[in-house]
């Protein structure tokens, strides 16, 4: 599999608050050792969404256990 295809093979799509910057989100996820490969945002139905690509399905499950789906939706200082 090429790197580009692998980037979002194990991904999640979660809500994102408008004041978060992507480098801060990426840094925060890396500090928690969640196996993040790539982070990007997109607008869906006039709301900002965060797409997180993981190294494996176990890293994705680990994210679901430790952080809620609305973790980046409520604004707090990272």
Protein backbone atom coordinates (compact mmCIF):
# COMPACT_ATOMS: atom_id res chain seq x y z
CA UNK A 1 0.00 0.00 0.00
CA UNK A 2 1.33 3.45 -0.79
CA UNK A 3 1.82 6.00 1.91
CA UNK A 4 -1.01 8.17 0.63
CA UNK A 5 -3.52 5.33 0.75
CA UNK A 6 -2.34 4.26 4.19
CA UNK A 7 -2.77 7.76 5.58
CA UNK A 8 -6.53 7.41 6.07
CA UNK A 9 -6.93 3.61 6.05
CA UNK A 10 -7.71 3.70 9.78
CA UNK A 11 -9.32 7.08 10.29
CA UNK A 12 -11.88 8.89 12.40
CA UNK A 13 -14.03 11.89 11.62
CA UNK A 14 -14.80 13.95 14.76
CA UNK A 15 -16.16 17.48 15.40
CA UNK A 16 -13.57 20.26 15.78
CA UNK A 17 -13.94 23.67 17.46
CA UNK A 18 -13.23 26.65 15.22
CA UNK A 19 -10.43 28.02 17.44
CA UNK A 20 -8.19 24.94 17.36
CA UNK A 21 -5.16 24.96 15.07
CA UNK A 22 -4.16 21.71 13.40
CA UNK A 23 -0.52 21.79 14.59
CA UNK A 24 -1.73 22.08 18.20
CA UNK A 25 -4.14 19.15 17.75
CA UNK A 26 -1.44 17.02 16.09
CA UNK A 27 1.07 17.82 18.86
CA UNK A 28 -1.50 16.97 21.54
CA UNK A 29 -2.28 13.59 19.95
CA UNK A 30 1.44 12.79 19.51
CA UNK A 31 2.09 13.52 23.20
CA UNK A 32 -0.55 10.93 24.11
CA UNK A 33 1.22 8.27 21.93
CA UNK A 34 -1.90 7.44 19.94
CA UNK A 35 -0.13 6.45 16.70
CA UNK A 36 -1.36 9.38 14.62
CA UNK A 37 -0.11 9.56 11.02
CA UNK A 38 -2.00 12.54 9.62
CA UNK A 39 -4.48 15.21 10.72
CA UNK A 40 -6.61 17.42 8.49
CA UNK A 41 -9.80 19.44 8.79
CA UNK A 42 -12.78 19.76 6.50
CA UNK A 43 -16.08 21.62 6.43
CA UNK A 44 -19.15 19.40 6.45
CA UNK A 45 -22.67 20.87 6.66
CA UNK A 46 -21.24 24.26 7.73
CA UNK A 47 -19.39 22.62 10.65
CA UNK A 48 -15.67 22.01 11.01
CA UNK A 49 -14.63 18.35 11.26
CA UNK A 50 -11.29 16.78 12.14
CA UNK A 51 -10.07 13.75 10.17
CA UNK A 52 -7.42 11.75 12.04
CA UNK A 53 -5.44 8.97 10.33
CA UNK A 54 -4.00 6.24 12.59
CA UNK A 55 -1.24 3.66 12.07
CA UNK A 56 -3.49 0.72 12.93
CA UNK A 57 -6.95 -0.18 14.12
CA UNK A 58 -5.61 -0.77 17.63
CA UNK A 59 -4.43 2.86 17.79
CA UNK A 60 -7.88 3.99 16.63
CA UNK A 61 -9.53 1.88 19.35
CA UNK A 62 -7.10 3.30 21.90
CA UNK A 63 -8.22 6.83 20.90
CA UNK A 64 -11.86 5.83 21.38
CA UNK A 65 -11.09 4.49 24.87
CA UNK A 66 -9.07 7.47 26.12
CA UNK A 67 -10.75 10.44 24.43
CA UNK A 68 -14.41 11.08 23.70
CA UNK A 69 -15.68 11.95 20.21
CA UNK A 70 -16.40 15.53 21.38
CA UNK A 71 -12.94 16.06 22.91
CA UNK A 72 -11.88 18.66 20.31
CA UNK A 73 -15.37 20.16 19.97
CA UNK A 74 -15.36 21.92 23.34
CA UNK A 75 -12.70 24.63 23.40
CA UNK A 76 -9.98 24.25 26.02
CA UNK A 77 -6.32 25.14 26.07
CA UNK A 78 -4.20 22.21 24.90
